[in-house]
Amino acid sequence: MKIGYATLPPTVTYNNGKEYHDDGKSRQFPDPYENIWVADDPFGDGMRLTFKAGQSPKGKNYALVQHKGAYVRRISFVSWDSIPGIYRDTLNKEYIEIPKEV
């Protein structure tokens, strides 16, 4: 298993691209985070991963990701300050969408 860090998008869509609506009537399932760059070491090596996690709490739009290849075992939402400085040097503080490969 590898441990890496990722910058997450500020908002998550639900039920295939829809915004979250707290109407209490219909069930809403968060769409997965897709094509997220996870830095596995301080030199910037890593890989693009897709995983489900829901909306990140305010101020914690970064993830500590445990994975083996494309299999993501678990994630934890973390703040920018909790990421080791040597990893922060290789991560973007703001989320940048990575285009899908054709």
N, C-alpha and C. Protein backbone atom coordinates (compact mmCIF):
# COMPACT_ATOMS: atom_id res chain seq x y z
N MET A 1 0.83 -1.18 0.00
CA MET A 1 0.00 0.00 0.00
C MET A 1 0.88 1.25 0.00
N LYS A 2 0.43 2.25 -0.76
CA LYS A 2 1.11 3.54 -0.78
C LYS A 2 0.22 4.57 -0.10
N ILE A 3 0.84 5.60 0.40
CA ILE A 3 0.13 6.73 1.01
C ILE A 3 0.49 7.96 0.19
N GLY A 4 -0.51 8.73 -0.21
CA GLY A 4 -0.27 9.94 -0.97
C GLY A 4 -1.23 11.05 -0.57
N TYR A 5 -1.02 12.21 -1.15
CA TYR A 5 -1.85 13.38 -0.87
C TYR A 5 -2.42 13.93 -2.18
N ALA A 6 -3.61 14.50 -2.09
CA ALA A 6 -4.27 15.04 -3.28
C ALA A 6 -5.03 16.32 -2.94
N THR A 7 -5.12 17.20 -3.92
CA THR A 7 -5.97 18.39 -3.83
C THR A 7 -7.31 18.03 -4.46
N LEU A 8 -8.40 18.27 -3.74
CA LEU A 8 -9.73 17.90 -4.21
C LEU A 8 -10.49 19.12 -4.73
N PRO A 9 -11.46 18.89 -5.62
CA PRO A 9 -12.29 20.00 -6.07
C PRO A 9 -13.12 20.55 -4.90
N PRO A 10 -13.44 21.84 -4.93
CA PRO A 10 -14.17 22.44 -3.81
C PRO A 10 -15.60 21.93 -3.65
N THR A 11 -16.22 21.46 -4.73
CA THR A 11 -17.59 20.94 -4.62
C THR A 11 -17.70 19.61 -5.35
N VAL A 12 -18.67 18.84 -4.92
CA VAL A 12 -18.94 17.53 -5.50
C VAL A 12 -20.34 17.57 -6.09
N THR A 13 -20.53 16.89 -7.20
CA THR A 13 -21.87 16.77 -7.78
C THR A 13 -22.51 15.47 -7.27
N TYR A 14 -23.80 15.39 -7.43
CA TYR A 14 -24.56 14.23 -6.94
C TYR A 14 -25.41 13.65 -8.05
N ASN A 15 -25.66 12.34 -7.99
CA ASN A 15 -26.55 11.65 -8.92
C ASN A 15 -26.24 12.00 -10.37
N ASN A 16 -25.01 11.77 -10.77
CA ASN A 16 -24.56 11.97 -12.16
C ASN A 16 -24.56 13.43 -12.60
N GLY A 17 -23.95 14.30 -11.82
CA GLY A 17 -23.73 15.67 -12.24
C GLY A 17 -24.68 16.72 -11.72
N LYS A 18 -25.60 16.35 -10.86
CA LYS A 18 -26.56 17.32 -10.34
C LYS A 18 -26.03 17.97 -9.06
N GLU A 19 -26.54 19.15 -8.76
CA GLU A 19 -26.18 19.83 -7.52
C GLU A 19 -26.94 19.19 -6.36
N TYR A 20 -26.39 19.32 -5.18
CA TYR A 20 -27.02 18.78 -3.97
C TYR A 20 -28.22 19.63 -3.60
N HIS A 21 -29.34 18.98 -3.33
CA HIS A 21 -30.56 19.66 -2.90
C HIS A 21 -31.06 18.97 -1.64
N ASP A 22 -31.13 19.71 -0.57
CA ASP A 22 -31.54 19.15 0.71
C ASP A 22 -33.06 19.24 0.85
N ASP A 23 -33.77 18.46 0.03
CA ASP A 23 -35.23 18.49 0.08
C ASP A 23 -35.79 17.38 0.97
N GLY A 24 -34.96 16.43 1.36
CA GLY A 24 -35.40 15.35 2.23
C GLY A 24 -36.30 14.33 1.57
N LYS A 25 -36.53 14.47 0.28
CA LYS A 25 -37.45 13.57 -0.41
C LYS A 25 -36.73 12.48 -1.18
N SER A 26 -35.65 12.82 -1.85
CA SER A 26 -34.97 11.84 -2.68
C SER A 26 -33.55 11.59 -2.16
N ARG A 27 -33.10 10.37 -2.35
CA ARG A 27 -31.75 10.03 -1.93
C ARG A 27 -30.76 10.60 -2.92
N GLN A 28 -29.66 11.10 -2.38
CA GLN A 28 -28.63 11.69 -3.23
C GLN A 28 -27.30 11.01 -2.94
N PHE A 29 -26.64 10.58 -4.00
CA PHE A 29 -25.37 9.89 -3.87
C PHE A 29 -24.28 10.72 -4.53
N PRO A 30 -23.19 10.98 -3.81
CA PRO A 30 -22.12 11.79 -4.40
C PRO A 30 -21.45 11.07 -5.56
N ASP A 31 -21.15 11.83 -6.60
CA ASP A 31 -20.39 11.29 -7.72
C ASP A 31 -18.95 11.09 -7.27
N PRO A 32 -18.24 10.16 -7.88
CA PRO A 32 -16.85 9.94 -7.47
C PRO A 32 -15.94 11.10 -7.89
N TYR A 33 -14.86 11.24 -7.15
CA TYR A 33 -13.79 12.13 -7.57
C TYR A 33 -13.08 11.39 -8.69
N GLU A 34 -13.01 11.99 -9.86
CA GLU A 34 -12.42 11.31 -11.01
C GLU A 34 -11.14 11.98 -11.45
N ASN A 35 -10.18 11.14 -11.82
CA ASN A 35 -8.95 11.64 -12.42
C ASN A 35 -8.19 12.59 -11.50
N ILE A 36 -8.11 12.24 -10.22
CA ILE A 36 -7.45 13.07 -9.21
C ILE A 36 -5.99 12.67 -9.11
N TRP A 37 -5.09 13.64 -9.21
CA TRP A 37 -3.66 13.36 -9.09
C TRP A 37 -3.32 13.16 -7.61
N VAL A 38 -2.74 11.99 -7.30
CA VAL A 38 -2.31 11.68 -5.94
C VAL A 38 -0.79 11.60 -5.95
N ALA A 39 -0.14 12.48 -5.20
CA ALA A 39 1.32 12.49 -5.10
C ALA A 39 1.74 11.46 -4.06
N ASP A 40 2.49 10.45 -4.50
CA ASP A 40 2.89 9.36 -3.63
C ASP A 40 4.22 9.60 -2.92
N ASP A 41 4.98 10.55 -3.39
CA ASP A 41 6.24 10.86 -2.72
C ASP A 41 6.57 12.33 -2.89
N PRO A 42 7.52 12.84 -2.12
CA PRO A 42 7.82 14.27 -2.16
C PRO A 42 8.42 14.76 -3.48
N PHE A 43 8.82 13.83 -4.35
CA PHE A 43 9.38 14.22 -5.64
C PHE A 43 8.30 14.42 -6.70
N GLY A 44 7.04 14.18 -6.33
CA GLY A 44 5.93 14.39 -7.25
C GLY A 44 5.48 13.17 -8.01
N ASP A 45 6.13 12.01 -7.77
CA ASP A 45 5.65 10.78 -8.41
C ASP A 45 4.29 10.43 -7.84
N GLY A 46 3.44 9.87 -8.68
CA GLY A 46 2.11 9.50 -8.23
C GLY A 46 1.30 8.99 -9.39
N MET A 47 0.00 9.01 -9.24
CA MET A 47 -0.89 8.54 -10.30
C MET A 47 -2.26 9.18 -10.19
N ARG A 48 -3.01 9.10 -11.29
CA ARG A 48 -4.38 9.59 -11.31
C ARG A 48 -5.28 8.49 -10.77
N LEU A 49 -6.16 8.86 -9.86
CA LEU A 49 -7.05 7.89 -9.26
C LEU A 49 -8.49 8.39 -9.27
N THR A 50 -9.41 7.45 -9.21
CA THR A 50 -10.84 7.75 -9.09
C THR A 50 -11.32 7.06 -7.81
N PHE A 51 -12.06 7.81 -6.99
CA PHE A 51 -12.55 7.23 -5.74
C PHE A 51 -13.77 8.00 -5.26
N LYS A 52 -14.58 7.34 -4.42
CA LYS A 52 -15.77 7.96 -3.84
C LYS A 52 -15.45 8.40 -2.43
N ALA A 53 -15.93 9.59 -2.07
CA ALA A 53 -15.67 10.07 -0.72
C ALA A 53 -16.72 11.07 -0.24
N GLY A 54 -17.54 11.60 -1.10
CA GLY A 54 -18.51 12.62 -0.67
C GLY A 54 -17.89 14.01 -0.64
N GLN A 55 -18.66 14.95 -0.17
CA GLN A 55 -18.21 16.35 -0.11
C GLN A 55 -17.22 16.51 1.03
N SER A 56 -16.10 17.17 0.74
CA SER A 56 -15.10 17.41 1.79
C SER A 56 -15.61 18.49 2.73
N PRO A 57 -15.26 18.38 4.02
CA PRO A 57 -15.66 19.43 4.97
C PRO A 57 -14.97 20.75 4.64
N LYS A 58 -15.58 21.84 5.03
CA LYS A 58 -15.01 23.16 4.76
C LYS A 58 -13.61 23.25 5.38
N GLY A 59 -12.65 23.72 4.58
CA GLY A 59 -11.28 23.87 5.05
C GLY A 59 -10.46 22.60 4.96
N LYS A 60 -11.06 21.50 4.49
CA LYS A 60 -10.35 20.24 4.38
C LYS A 60 -10.54 19.65 2.98
N ASN A 61 -10.21 20.43 1.95
CA ASN A 61 -10.41 19.93 0.59
C ASN A 61 -9.12 19.31 0.04
N TYR A 62 -8.44 18.57 0.90
CA TYR A 62 -7.27 17.78 0.51
C TYR A 62 -7.50 16.38 1.06
N ALA A 63 -6.86 15.40 0.47
CA ALA A 63 -7.07 14.03 0.92
C ALA A 63 -5.75 13.33 1.17
N LEU A 64 -5.73 12.56 2.23
CA LEU A 64 -4.68 11.59 2.50
C LEU A 64 -5.23 10.28 1.95
N VAL A 65 -4.56 9.70 0.95
CA VAL A 65 -5.09 8.56 0.22
C VAL A 65 -4.20 7.34 0.42
N GLN A 66 -4.81 6.24 0.84
CA GLN A 66 -4.09 4.97 0.92
C GLN A 66 -4.56 4.13 -0.26
N HIS A 67 -3.61 3.68 -1.08
CA HIS A 67 -3.99 2.94 -2.27
C HIS A 67 -2.91 1.94 -2.68
N LYS A 68 -3.31 1.01 -3.49
CA LYS A 68 -2.37 0.07 -4.12
C LYS A 68 -2.75 0.05 -5.59
N GLY A 69 -1.92 0.68 -6.40
CA GLY A 69 -2.27 0.85 -7.80
C GLY A 69 -3.54 1.68 -7.88
N ALA A 70 -4.49 1.26 -8.70
CA ALA A 70 -5.73 2.01 -8.87
C ALA A 70 -6.75 1.73 -7.78
N TYR A 71 -6.49 0.73 -6.93
CA TYR A 71 -7.41 0.40 -5.84
C TYR A 71 -7.18 1.36 -4.68
N VAL A 72 -8.21 2.13 -4.33
CA VAL A 72 -8.14 3.05 -3.20
C VAL A 72 -8.78 2.36 -2.01
N ARG A 73 -7.96 2.13 -0.98
CA ARG A 73 -8.45 1.46 0.22
C ARG A 73 -9.25 2.41 1.09
N ARG A 74 -8.67 3.60 1.33
CA ARG A 74 -9.39 4.59 2.14
C ARG A 74 -8.78 5.97 1.93
N ILE A 75 -9.58 6.97 2.29
CA ILE A 75 -9.11 8.34 2.24
C ILE A 75 -9.52 9.05 3.53
N SER A 76 -8.82 10.10 3.81
CA SER A 76 -9.17 10.95 4.93
C SER A 76 -9.06 12.39 4.47
N PHE A 77 -10.09 13.19 4.75
CA PHE A 77 -10.03 14.61 4.41
C PHE A 77 -9.08 15.29 5.39
N VAL A 78 -8.19 16.12 4.86
CA VAL A 78 -7.21 16.82 5.70
C VAL A 78 -7.12 18.27 5.28
N SER A 79 -6.57 19.08 6.17
CA SER A 79 -6.35 20.50 5.85
C SER A 79 -4.98 20.67 5.21
N TRP A 80 -4.76 21.81 4.57
CA TRP A 80 -3.48 22.12 3.92
C TRP A 80 -2.34 22.06 4.94
N ASP A 81 -2.59 22.59 6.13
CA ASP A 81 -1.54 22.64 7.16
C ASP A 81 -1.15 21.27 7.69
N SER A 82 -2.01 20.28 7.56
CA SER A 82 -1.68 18.94 8.07
C SER A 82 -0.87 18.11 7.07
N ILE A 83 -0.72 18.61 5.84
CA ILE A 83 0.10 17.92 4.84
C ILE A 83 1.56 18.26 5.12
N PRO A 84 2.44 17.26 5.18
CA PRO A 84 3.86 17.57 5.41
C PRO A 84 4.39 18.57 4.37
N GLY A 85 5.21 19.50 4.83
CA GLY A 85 5.72 20.56 3.97
C GLY A 85 6.40 20.07 2.72
N ILE A 86 7.09 18.97 2.79
CA ILE A 86 7.80 18.43 1.63
C ILE A 86 6.82 17.98 0.53
N TYR A 87 5.60 17.57 0.93
CA TYR A 87 4.56 17.23 -0.05
C TYR A 87 3.87 18.49 -0.56
N ARG A 88 3.68 19.47 0.31
CA ARG A 88 3.03 20.71 -0.10
C ARG A 88 3.80 21.39 -1.23
N ASP A 89 5.11 21.19 -1.27
CA ASP A 89 5.92 21.79 -2.33
C ASP A 89 5.57 21.22 -3.71
N THR A 90 5.00 20.01 -3.76
CA THR A 90 4.68 19.39 -5.04
C THR A 90 3.19 19.46 -5.38
N LEU A 91 2.34 19.83 -4.41
CA LEU A 91 0.90 19.91 -4.65
C LEU A 91 0.47 21.33 -4.99
N ASN A 92 -0.64 21.44 -5.69
CA ASN A 92 -1.27 22.74 -5.92
C ASN A 92 -2.21 23.02 -4.76
N LYS A 93 -2.18 24.23 -4.24
CA LYS A 93 -3.08 24.58 -3.15
C LYS A 93 -4.53 24.66 -3.65
N GLU A 94 -4.71 25.14 -4.86
CA GLU A 94 -6.04 25.20 -5.48
C GLU A 94 -6.18 24.03 -6.45
N TYR A 95 -7.40 23.47 -6.52
CA TYR A 95 -7.66 22.34 -7.40
C TYR A 95 -7.56 22.77 -8.87
N ILE A 96 -6.85 21.98 -9.65
CA ILE A 96 -6.75 22.18 -11.10
C ILE A 96 -7.23 20.88 -11.75
N GLU A 97 -8.25 20.98 -12.58
CA GLU A 97 -8.78 19.79 -13.24
C GLU A 97 -7.80 19.27 -14.27
N ILE A 98 -7.53 17.98 -14.22
CA ILE A 98 -6.65 17.34 -15.18
C ILE A 98 -7.53 16.79 -16.31
N PRO A 99 -7.26 17.18 -17.55
CA PRO A 99 -8.08 16.66 -18.64
C PRO A 99 -7.95 15.14 -18.77
N LYS A 100 -9.04 14.50 -19.13
CA LYS A 100 -9.01 13.05 -19.35
C LYS A 100 -8.24 12.78 -20.63
N GLU A 101 -7.48 11.71 -20.59
CA GLU A 101 -6.73 11.31 -21.79
C GLU A 101 -7.69 10.73 -22.82
N VAL A 102 -7.43 11.00 -24.06
CA VAL A 102 -8.28 10.51 -25.13
C VAL A 102 -7.82 9.13 -25.54
